C-alpha atoms as a PDB file:
ATOM      1  CA  UNK A   1      54.129  68.367  73.573  1.00  0.00           C
ATOM      2  CA  UNK A   2      57.583  68.192  72.006  1.00  0.00           C
ATOM      3  CA  UNK A   3      60.464  67.280  74.299  1.00  0.00           C
ATOM      4  CA  UNK A   4      64.132  67.569  73.327  1.00  0.00           C
ATOM      5  CA  UNK A   5      66.301  65.524  75.646  1.00  0.00           C
ATOM      6  CA  UNK A   6      70.086  65.807  75.875  1.00  0.00           C
ATOM      7  CA  UNK A   7      71.746  62.527  76.801  1.00  0.00           C
ATOM      8  CA  UNK A   8      75.467  62.799  77.518  1.00  0.00           C
ATOM      9  CA  UNK A   9      78.268  62.295  79.993  1.00  0.00           C
ATOM     10  CA  UNK A  10      79.186  65.099  82.331  1.00  0.00           C
ATOM     11  CA  UNK A  11      82.038  67.322  81.080  1.00  0.00           C
ATOM     12  CA  UNK A  12      80.705  67.053  77.540  1.00  0.00           C
ATOM     13  CA  UNK A  13      79.450  70.597  76.915  1.00  0.00           C
ATOM     14  CA  UNK A  14      75.729  70.091  77.486  1.00  0.00           C
ATOM     15  CA  UNK A  15      75.454  73.357  79.411  1.00  0.00           C
ATOM     16  CA  UNK A  16      76.937  75.269  76.499  1.00  0.00           C
ATOM     17  CA  UNK A  17      74.637  73.520  74.023  1.00  0.00           C
ATOM     18  CA  UNK A  18      71.461  74.172  76.007  1.00  0.00           C
ATOM     19  CA  UNK A  19      72.366  77.823  76.681  1.00  0.00           C
ATOM     20  CA  UNK A  20      72.815  78.334  72.938  1.00  0.00           C
ATOM     21  CA  UNK A  21      69.536  76.564  72.048  1.00  0.00           C
ATOM     22  CA  UNK A  22      67.730  78.542  74.759  1.00  0.00           C
ATOM     23  CA  UNK A  23      68.325  81.712  72.740  1.00  0.00           C
ATOM     24  CA  UNK A  24      65.665  80.526  70.297  1.00  0.00           C
ATOM     25  CA  UNK A  25      62.339  81.927  71.615  1.00  0.00           C
ATOM     26  CA  UNK A  26      60.561  78.732  70.518  1.00  0.00           C
ATOM     27  CA  UNK A  27      62.803  76.573  72.736  1.00  0.00           C
ATOM     28  CA  UNK A  28      62.871  76.643  76.532  1.00  0.00           C
ATOM     29  CA  UNK A  29      65.859  75.089  78.295  1.00  0.00           C
ATOM     30  CA  UNK A  30      64.539  73.653  81.556  1.00  0.00           C
ATOM     31  CA  UNK A  31      67.871  72.397  82.824  1.00  0.00           C
ATOM     32  CA  UNK A  32      68.305  69.034  84.552  1.00  0.00           C
ATOM     33  CA  UNK A  33      64.740  68.038  85.382  1.00  0.00           C
ATOM     34  CA  UNK A  34      65.849  64.859  87.122  1.00  0.00           C
ATOM     35  CA  UNK A  35      66.749  67.136  90.064  1.00  0.00           C
ATOM     36  CA  UNK A  36      63.460  69.043  90.102  1.00  0.00           C
ATOM     37  CA  UNK A  37      62.474  67.605  93.498  1.00  0.00           C
ATOM     38  CA  UNK A  38      65.254  69.688  95.080  1.00  0.00           C
ATOM     39  CA  UNK A  39      63.410  72.896  94.110  1.00  0.00           C
ATOM     40  CA  UNK A  40      59.831  71.992  95.062  1.00  0.00           C
ATOM     41  CA  UNK A  41      59.655  73.677  98.493  1.00  0.00           C
ATOM     42  CA  UNK A  42      60.213  77.138 100.045  1.00  0.00           C
ATOM     43  CA  UNK A  43      63.741  76.274 101.185  1.00  0.00           C
ATOM     44  CA  UNK A  44      64.685  74.689  97.863  1.00  0.00           C
ATOM     45  CA  UNK A  45      67.505  75.695  95.586  1.00  0.00           C
ATOM     46  CA  UNK A  46      67.682  78.780  93.425  1.00  0.00           C
ATOM     47  CA  UNK A  47      66.904  78.853  89.727  1.00  0.00           C
ATOM     48  CA  UNK A  48      69.736  79.986  87.454  1.00  0.00           C
ATOM     49  CA  UNK A  49      67.972  83.380  87.253  1.00  0.00           C
ATOM     50  CA  UNK A  50      69.045  83.903  90.880  1.00  0.00           C
ATOM     51  CA  UNK A  51      65.634  83.599  92.553  1.00  0.00           C
ATOM     52  CA  UNK A  52      64.314  80.746  94.616  1.00  0.00           C
ATOM     53  CA  UNK A  53      62.389  78.446  92.299  1.00  0.00           C
ATOM     54  CA  UNK A  54      59.027  79.215  93.904  1.00  0.00           C
ATOM     55  CA  UNK A  55      59.677  82.949  93.344  1.00  0.00           C
ATOM     56  CA  UNK A  56      60.965  82.505  89.781  1.00  0.00           C
ATOM     57  CA  UNK A  57      58.648  83.980  87.093  1.00  0.00           C
ATOM     58  CA  UNK A  58      58.796  80.635  85.252  1.00  0.00           C
ATOM     59  CA  UNK A  59      59.045  77.886  87.851  1.00  0.00           C
ATOM     60  CA  UNK A  60      56.695  79.514  90.363  1.00  0.00           C
ATOM     61  CA  UNK A  61      53.723  79.411  87.936  1.00  0.00           C
ATOM     62  CA  UNK A  62      54.772  75.950  86.685  1.00  0.00           C
ATOM     63  CA  UNK A  63      54.748  74.513  90.208  1.00  0.00           C
ATOM     64  CA  UNK A  64      51.411  76.194  90.933  1.00  0.00           C
ATOM     65  CA  UNK A  65      49.812  74.657  87.830  1.00  0.00           C
ATOM     66  CA  UNK A  66      51.109  71.199  88.713  1.00  0.00           C
ATOM     67  CA  UNK A  67      49.888  71.513  92.314  1.00  0.00           C
ATOM     68  CA  UNK A  68      46.366  72.223  91.058  1.00  0.00           C
ATOM     69  CA  UNK A  69      46.164  69.042  88.995  1.00  0.00           C
ATOM     70  CA  UNK A  70      48.216  66.383  90.761  1.00  0.00           C
ATOM     71  CA  UNK A  71      48.901  65.163  94.264  1.00  0.00           C
ATOM     72  CA  UNK A  72      52.197  63.581  93.267  1.00  0.00           C
ATOM     73  CA  UNK A  73      55.350  65.013  94.731  1.00  0.00           C
ATOM     74  CA  UNK A  74      58.355  65.831  92.569  1.00  0.00           C
ATOM     75  CA  UNK A  75      60.299  62.615  93.167  1.00  0.00           C
ATOM     76  CA  UNK A  76      58.279  60.355  90.819  1.00  0.00           C
ATOM     77  CA  UNK A  77      58.235  63.176  88.287  1.00  0.00           C
ATOM     78  CA  UNK A  78      61.977  63.647  88.215  1.00  0.00           C
ATOM     79  CA  UNK A  79      63.734  60.474  89.278  1.00  0.00           C
ATOM     80  CA  UNK A  80      64.095  57.162  87.542  1.00  0.00           C
ATOM     81  CA  UNK A  81      67.761  56.558  88.092  1.00  0.00           C
ATOM     82  CA  UNK A  82      70.313  53.794  88.008  1.00  0.00           C
ATOM     83  CA  UNK A  83      70.351  53.866  91.811  1.00  0.00           C
ATOM     84  CA  UNK A  84      66.636  53.033  91.853  1.00  0.00           C
ATOM     85  CA  UNK A  85      66.995  49.943  89.723  1.00  0.00           C
ATOM     86  CA  UNK A  86      63.604  48.414  90.541  1.00  0.00           C
ATOM     87  CA  UNK A  87      61.788  51.508  89.258  1.00  0.00           C
ATOM     88  CA  UNK A  88      63.867  51.431  86.079  1.00  0.00           C
ATOM     89  CA  UNK A  89      63.087  47.745  85.420  1.00  0.00           C
ATOM     90  CA  UNK A  90      59.396  48.399  86.017  1.00  0.00           C
ATOM     91  CA  UNK A  91      59.563  51.407  83.679  1.00  0.00           C
ATOM     92  CA  UNK A  92      61.043  49.373  80.841  1.00  0.00           C
ATOM     93  CA  UNK A  93      58.542  46.578  81.414  1.00  0.00           C
ATOM     94  CA  UNK A  94      55.714  49.062  80.843  1.00  0.00           C
ATOM     95  CA  UNK A  95      54.323  48.989  84.367  1.00  0.00           C
ATOM     96  CA  UNK A  96      55.627  52.491  84.962  1.00  0.00           C
ATOM     97  CA  UNK A  97      55.368  53.684  81.388  1.00  0.00           C
ATOM     98  CA  UNK A  98      51.929  52.858  80.016  1.00  0.00           C
ATOM     99  CA  UNK A  99      49.598  55.755  79.290  1.00  0.00           C
ATOM    100  CA  UNK A 100      46.868  56.278  81.844  1.00  0.00           C
ATOM    101  CA  UNK A 101      48.485  54.243  84.631  1.00  0.00           C
ATOM    102  CA  UNK A 102      52.008  55.587  84.722  1.00  0.00           C
ATOM    103  CA  UNK A 103      52.786  58.022  87.556  1.00  0.00           C
ATOM    104  CA  UNK A 104      56.143  58.827  85.989  1.00  0.00           C
ATOM    105  CA  UNK A 105      54.931  59.333  82.412  1.00  0.00           C
ATOM    106  CA  UNK A 106      51.646  61.014  83.306  1.00  0.00           C
ATOM    107  CA  UNK A 107      53.248  63.356  85.827  1.00  0.00           C
ATOM    108  CA  UNK A 108      55.964  64.324  83.356  1.00  0.00           C
ATOM    109  CA  UNK A 109      53.320  65.001  80.698  1.00  0.00           C
ATOM    110  CA  UNK A 110      51.683  67.444  83.103  1.00  0.00           C
ATOM    111  CA  UNK A 111      55.057  69.006  83.854  1.00  0.00           C
ATOM    112  CA  UNK A 112      55.971  69.543  80.185  1.00  0.00           C
ATOM    113  CA  UNK A 113      52.521  70.926  79.357  1.00  0.00           C
ATOM    114  CA  UNK A 114      52.744  73.340  82.300  1.00  0.00           C
ATOM    115  CA  UNK A 115      56.154  74.549  81.100  1.00  0.00           C
ATOM    116  CA  UNK A 116      54.815  75.040  77.565  1.00  0.00           C
ATOM    117  CA  UNK A 117      51.807  76.952  78.881  1.00  0.00           C
ATOM    118  CA  UNK A 118      53.896  79.295  81.050  1.00  0.00           C
ATOM    119  CA  UNK A 119      56.739  79.913  78.592  1.00  0.00           C
ATOM    120  CA  UNK A 120      54.892  79.688  75.263  1.00  0.00           C
ATOM    121  CA  UNK A 121      57.720  77.508  73.922  1.00  0.00           C
ATOM    122  CA  UNK A 122      57.127  74.852  71.296  1.00  0.00           C
ATOM    123  CA  UNK A 123      60.009  72.684  72.522  1.00  0.00           C
ATOM    124  CA  UNK A 124      60.961  71.922  76.124  1.00  0.00           C
ATOM    125  CA  UNK A 125      64.651  71.039  76.460  1.00  0.00           C
ATOM    126  CA  UNK A 126      65.586  68.634  79.256  1.00  0.00           C
ATOM    127  CA  UNK A 127      69.321  68.510  79.968  1.00  0.00           C
ATOM    128  CA  UNK A 128      69.163  65.700  82.542  1.00  0.00           C
ATOM    129  CA  UNK A 129      71.706  63.700  80.489  1.00  0.00           C
ATOM    130  CA  UNK A 130      70.680  60.472  82.249  1.00  0.00           C
ATOM    131  CA  UNK A 131      69.824  57.511  80.019  1.00  0.00           C
ATOM    132  CA  UNK A 132      67.883  56.067  82.952  1.00  0.00           C
ATOM    133  CA  UNK A 133      65.442  58.977  82.991  1.00  0.00           C
ATOM    134  CA  UNK A 134      65.171  59.097  79.199  1.00  0.00           C
ATOM    135  CA  UNK A 135      64.290  55.462  78.441  1.00  0.00           C
ATOM    136  CA  UNK A 136      60.896  55.400  80.216  1.00  0.00           C
ATOM    137  CA  UNK A 137      60.029  58.783  78.681  1.00  0.00           C
ATOM    138  CA  UNK A 138      60.760  57.398  75.216  1.00  0.00           C
ATOM    139  CA  UNK A 139      58.653  54.344  75.951  1.00  0.00           C
ATOM    140  CA  UNK A 140      55.743  56.410  77.237  1.00  0.00           C
ATOM    141  CA  UNK A 141      55.795  59.040  74.444  1.00  0.00           C
ATOM    142  CA  UNK A 142      57.748  57.601  71.502  1.00  0.00           C
ATOM    143  CA  UNK A 143      56.618  60.234  68.979  1.00  0.00           C
ATOM    144  CA  UNK A 144      57.210  63.273  71.182  1.00  0.00           C
ATOM    145  CA  UNK A 145      60.779  62.796  72.449  1.00  0.00           C
ATOM    146  CA  UNK A 146      63.680  64.088  70.334  1.00  0.00           C
ATOM    147  CA  UNK A 147      67.014  62.724  71.510  1.00  0.00           C
ATOM    148  CA  UNK A 148      70.184  64.816  71.210  1.00  0.00           C
ATOM    149  CA  UNK A 149      73.109  62.518  71.979  1.00  0.00           C
ATOM    150  CA  UNK A 150      76.024  64.822  72.724  1.00  0.00           C
ATOM    151  CA  UNK A 151      79.424  63.145  72.442  1.00  0.00           C
ATOM    152  CA  UNK A 152      82.846  64.558  73.211  1.00  0.00           C
ATOM    153  CA  UNK A 153      86.123  62.991  72.102  1.00  0.00           C
ATOM    154  CA  UNK A 154      87.301  60.455  74.698  1.00  0.00           C
ATOM    155  CA  UNK A 155      90.574  62.353  75.109  1.00  0.00           C
ATOM    156  CA  UNK A 156      88.766  65.609  75.854  1.00  0.00           C
ATOM    157  CA  UNK A 157      86.208  64.034  78.182  1.00  0.00           C
ATOM    158  CA  UNK A 158      88.721  62.064  80.207  1.00  0.00           C
ATOM    159  CA  UNK A 159      91.153  64.989  80.435  1.00  0.00           C
ATOM    160  CA  UNK A 160      88.380  67.297  81.682  1.00  0.00           C
ATOM    161  CA  UNK A 161      87.249  64.865  84.366  1.00  0.00           C
ATOM    162  CA  UNK A 162      90.787  64.130  85.515  1.00  0.00           C
ATOM    163  CA  UNK A 163      91.728  67.821  85.691  1.00  0.00           C
ATOM    164  CA  UNK A 164      88.617  69.175  87.382  1.00  0.00           C
ATOM    165  CA  UNK A 165      87.434  66.402  89.671  1.00  0.00           C
ATOM    166  CA  UNK A 166      90.545  64.312  90.059  1.00  0.00           C
ATOM    167  CA  UNK A 167      88.877  61.159  88.729  1.00  0.00           C
ATOM    168  CA  UNK A 168      91.081  58.237  87.826  1.00  0.00           C
ATOM    169  CA  UNK A 169      91.578  57.312  84.198  1.00  0.00           C
ATOM    170  CA  UNK A 170      89.684  53.995  84.282  1.00  0.00           C
ATOM    171  CA  UNK A 171      86.739  55.518  86.147  1.00  0.00           C
ATOM    172  CA  UNK A 172      86.486  58.308  83.582  1.00  0.00           C
ATOM    173  CA  UNK A 173      86.829  56.192  80.446  1.00  0.00           C
ATOM    174  CA  UNK A 174      85.139  52.933  81.467  1.00  0.00           C
ATOM    175  CA  UNK A 175      82.903  53.987  84.334  1.00  0.00           C
ATOM    176  CA  UNK A 176      81.359  56.903  82.468  1.00  0.00           C
ATOM    177  CA  UNK A 177      82.352  57.420  78.858  1.00  0.00           C
ATOM    178  CA  UNK A 178      81.960  53.906  77.458  1.00  0.00           C
ATOM    179  CA  UNK A 179      79.066  52.879  79.677  1.00  0.00           C
ATOM    180  CA  UNK A 180      76.912  55.962  79.058  1.00  0.00           C
ATOM    181  CA  UNK A 181      77.556  56.400  75.351  1.00  0.00           C
ATOM    182  CA  UNK A 182      77.344  52.743  74.349  1.00  0.00           C
ATOM    183  CA  UNK A 183      74.076  52.304  76.268  1.00  0.00           C
ATOM    184  CA  UNK A 184      72.641  55.455  74.684  1.00  0.00           C
ATOM    185  CA  UNK A 185      73.673  54.440  71.190  1.00  0.00           C
ATOM    186  CA  UNK A 186      72.435  50.849  71.497  1.00  0.00           C
ATOM    187  CA  UNK A 187      69.040  51.753  72.949  1.00  0.00           C
ATOM    188  CA  UNK A 188      68.295  55.050  71.163  1.00  0.00           C
ATOM    189  CA  UNK A 189      70.059  55.088  67.799  1.00  0.00           C
ATOM    190  CA  UNK A 190      67.302  53.117  65.974  1.00  0.00           C
ATOM    191  CA  UNK A 191      64.810  55.885  66.824  1.00  0.00           C
ATOM    192  CA  UNK A 192      63.802  58.306  64.036  1.00  0.00           C
ATOM    193  CA  UNK A 193      64.151  61.314  66.373  1.00  0.00           C
ATOM    194  CA  UNK A 194      67.728  60.525  67.359  1.00  0.00           C
ATOM    195  CA  UNK A 195      70.582  62.885  66.479  1.00  0.00           C
ATOM    196  CA  UNK A 196      74.194  62.564  67.576  1.00  0.00           C
ATOM    197  CA  UNK A 197      76.143  65.813  67.959  1.00  0.00           C
ATOM    198  CA  UNK A 198      79.869  66.068  68.518  1.00  0.00           C
ATOM    199  CA  UNK A 199      81.010  68.656  71.015  1.00  0.00           C
ATOM    200  CA  UNK A 200      83.977  69.521  68.821  1.00  0.00           C
ATOM    201  CA  UNK A 201      81.602  70.330  65.933  1.00  0.00           C
ATOM    202  CA  UNK A 202      79.575  72.602  68.218  1.00  0.00           C
ATOM    203  CA  UNK A 203      82.740  74.510  69.123  1.00  0.00           C
ATOM    204  CA  UNK A 204      84.204  74.698  65.603  1.00  0.00           C
ATOM    205  CA  UNK A 205      80.982  75.421  63.647  1.00  0.00           C
ATOM    206  CA  UNK A 206      78.232  76.396  66.097  1.00  0.00           C
ATOM    207  CA  UNK A 207      75.892  78.105  63.601  1.00  0.00           C
ATOM    208  CA  UNK A 208      75.548  75.112  61.295  1.00  0.00           C
ATOM    209  CA  UNK A 209      75.178  72.744  64.256  1.00  0.00           C
ATOM    210  CA  UNK A 210      72.395  74.843  65.790  1.00  0.00           C
ATOM    211  CA  UNK A 211      70.696  75.254  62.403  1.00  0.00           C
ATOM    212  CA  UNK A 212      70.642  71.486  61.847  1.00  0.00           C
ATOM    213  CA  UNK A 213      69.256  70.832  65.323  1.00  0.00           C
ATOM    214  CA  UNK A 214      66.551  73.436  64.760  1.00  0.00           C
ATOM    215  CA  UNK A 215      65.514  71.691  61.567  1.00  0.00           C
ATOM    216  CA  UNK A 216      65.335  68.388  63.435  1.00  0.00           C
ATOM    217  CA  UNK A 217      63.153  69.975  66.105  1.00  0.00           C
ATOM    218  CA  UNK A 218      60.936  71.714  63.561  1.00  0.00           C
ATOM    219  CA  UNK A 219      61.662  75.288  64.644  1.00  0.00           C
ATOM    220  CA  UNK A 220      62.963  78.122  62.428  1.00  0.00           C
ATOM    221  CA  UNK A 221      66.622  79.024  62.712  1.00  0.00           C
ATOM    222  CA  UNK A 222      67.387  81.814  65.168  1.00  0.00           C
ATOM    223  CA  UNK A 223      70.936  83.151  65.322  1.00  0.00           C
ATOM    224  CA  UNK A 224      71.896  82.701  68.983  1.00  0.00           C
ATOM    225  CA  UNK A 225      74.852  85.069  68.734  1.00  0.00           C
ATOM    226  CA  UNK A 226      72.935  88.183  67.663  1.00  0.00           C
ATOM    227  CA  UNK A 227      71.102  90.512  70.005  1.00  0.00           C
ATOM    228  CA  UNK A 228      70.830  90.291  73.776  1.00  0.00           C
ATOM    229  CA  UNK A 229      71.008  86.945  75.536  1.00  0.00           C
ATOM    230  CA  UNK A 230      67.772  85.546  76.932  1.00  0.00           C
ATOM    231  CA  UNK A 231      67.583  84.955  80.649  1.00  0.00           C
ATOM    232  CA  UNK A 232      68.272  81.398  81.736  1.00  0.00           C
ATOM    233  CA  UNK A 233      65.909  79.477  84.029  1.00  0.00           C
ATOM    234  CA  UNK A 234      67.792  76.211  84.209  1.00  0.00           C
ATOM    235  CA  UNK A 235      67.260  73.736  87.012  1.00  0.00           C
ATOM    236  CA  UNK A 236      70.544  72.518  88.486  1.00  0.00           C
ATOM    237  CA  UNK A 237      73.484  72.691  86.047  1.00  0.00           C
ATOM    238  CA  UNK A 238      77.040  73.830  86.628  1.00  0.00           C
ATOM    239  CA  UNK A 239      78.244  77.243  87.714  1.00  0.00           C
ATOM    240  CA  UNK A 240      78.450  78.474  84.109  1.00  0.00           C
ATOM    241  CA  UNK A 241      74.675  78.132  83.897  1.00  0.00           C
ATOM    242  CA  UNK A 242      74.273  80.308  86.972  1.00  0.00           C
ATOM    243  CA  UNK A 243      76.600  83.008  85.666  1.00  0.00           C
ATOM    244  CA  UNK A 244      75.457  86.286  84.185  1.00  0.00           C
ATOM    245  CA  UNK A 245      73.266  85.986  81.093  1.00  0.00           C
ATOM    246  CA  UNK A 246      75.609  88.493  79.514  1.00  0.00           C
ATOM    247  CA  UNK A 247      78.392  85.907  79.473  1.00  0.00           C
ATOM    248  CA  UNK A 248      79.595  85.026  76.003  1.00  0.00           C
ATOM    249  CA  UNK A 249      77.716  82.183  74.364  1.00  0.00           C
ATOM    250  CA  UNK A 250      79.964  81.844  71.363  1.00  0.00           C
ATOM    251  CA  UNK A 251      82.147  78.767  71.807  1.00  0.00           C
ATOM    252  CA  UNK A 252      85.835  79.421  72.269  1.00  0.00           C
ATOM    253  CA  UNK A 253      88.315  76.882  70.815  1.00  0.00           C
ATOM    254  CA  UNK A 254      90.057  77.086  74.179  1.00  0.00           C
ATOM    255  CA  UNK A 255      87.109  75.096  75.568  1.00  0.00           C
ATOM    256  CA  UNK A 256      88.584  72.043  73.890  1.00  0.00           C
ATOM    257  CA  UNK A 257      91.394  72.152  76.426  1.00  0.00           C
ATOM    258  CA  UNK A 258      95.078  71.418  76.164  1.00  0.00           C
ATOM    259  CA  UNK A 259      96.127  67.876  75.199  1.00  0.00           C
ATOM    260  CA  UNK A 260      97.445  65.577  77.906  1.00  0.00           C
ATOM    261  CA  UNK A 261     100.189  63.009  77.732  1.00  0.00           C
ATOM    262  CA  UNK A 262      98.964  59.424  77.864  1.00  0.00           C
ATOM    263  CA  UNK A 263     100.669  56.141  78.635  1.00  0.00           C
ATOM    264  CA  UNK A 264     100.675  53.345  76.049  1.00  0.00           C
ATOM    265  CA  UNK A 265      97.843  51.554  77.874  1.00  0.00           C
ATOM    266  CA  UNK A 266      95.781  54.750  78.091  1.00  0.00           C
ATOM    267  CA  UNK A 267      96.313  55.505  74.400  1.00  0.00           C
ATOM    268  CA  UNK A 268      95.141  52.006  73.484  1.00  0.00           C
ATOM    269  CA  UNK A 269      91.962  52.299  75.566  1.00  0.00           C
ATOM    270  CA  UNK A 270      91.266  55.795  74.240  1.00  0.00           C
ATOM    271  CA  UNK A 271      91.627  54.477  70.679  1.00  0.00           C
ATOM    272  CA  UNK A 272      89.032  51.790  71.404  1.00  0.00           C
ATOM    273  CA  UNK A 273      86.654  54.367  72.883  1.00  0.00           C
ATOM    274  CA  UNK A 274      87.155  56.688  69.914  1.00  0.00           C
ATOM    275  CA  UNK A 275      86.374  53.897  67.455  1.00  0.00           C
ATOM    276  CA  UNK A 276      83.363  52.493  69.315  1.00  0.00           C
ATOM    277  CA  UNK A 277      81.776  55.778  70.392  1.00  0.00           C
ATOM    278  CA  UNK A 278      83.164  58.886  68.732  1.00  0.00           C
ATOM    279  CA  UNK A 279      83.698  57.555  65.208  1.00  0.00           C
ATOM    280  CA  UNK A 280      81.181  54.724  65.272  1.00  0.00           C
END
């Protein structure tokens, strides 16, 4: 099993990154697996291919294989979140994360192996973004998890959140950007399979960024911008994921957005975030 996990804030470009990596036939983008429990029943949500997950040519067989081997439901497979703090503390203490007695780690191992068996991929890409889900996975399988820490400039991240979801400045910069990225860097950066990627680099030089990530993951380079796009089978994700597979994958500089005007206080806090996270 080889798992590539994207850890990032929302509004950072993770959907674009995973759609591009999914064009490599040796990589399968599974989407946000922390929400898999929302798809594990006949009335569940639709896969990004447009079909209900149980009818999807990928997730239907995956769910069937898991059902044959485990009696666990999807919640312990998908969720170890900040809202379930006791589970997270137990996970880090090893009580949830030790091989052989870990419902979270063991169930996820079965999930990843089922995905590999159905898709034939060498790398399963989990775009859950949550540090809380990633940490117990790293503890359970330290040699098999490859961390892609996707970082966007604080100005771009905050502007995107404020424009699209009407978040306040402090909530966007302190509540999300600093908290998520500093925790990810402090807890994951010492790992040998850790790679930080800047969103702006992905947009300005996508080929070299994808080539370098492929080398890190041990798969040959595959030009994602040549030939027909592969169908997406992402779990959850934003509306761009659910759009036509014929949509352009090549990053457009317009994705970086137009600059906003900041107050003196906002500029000072953004400068701190840029130094601690983006340039650090």
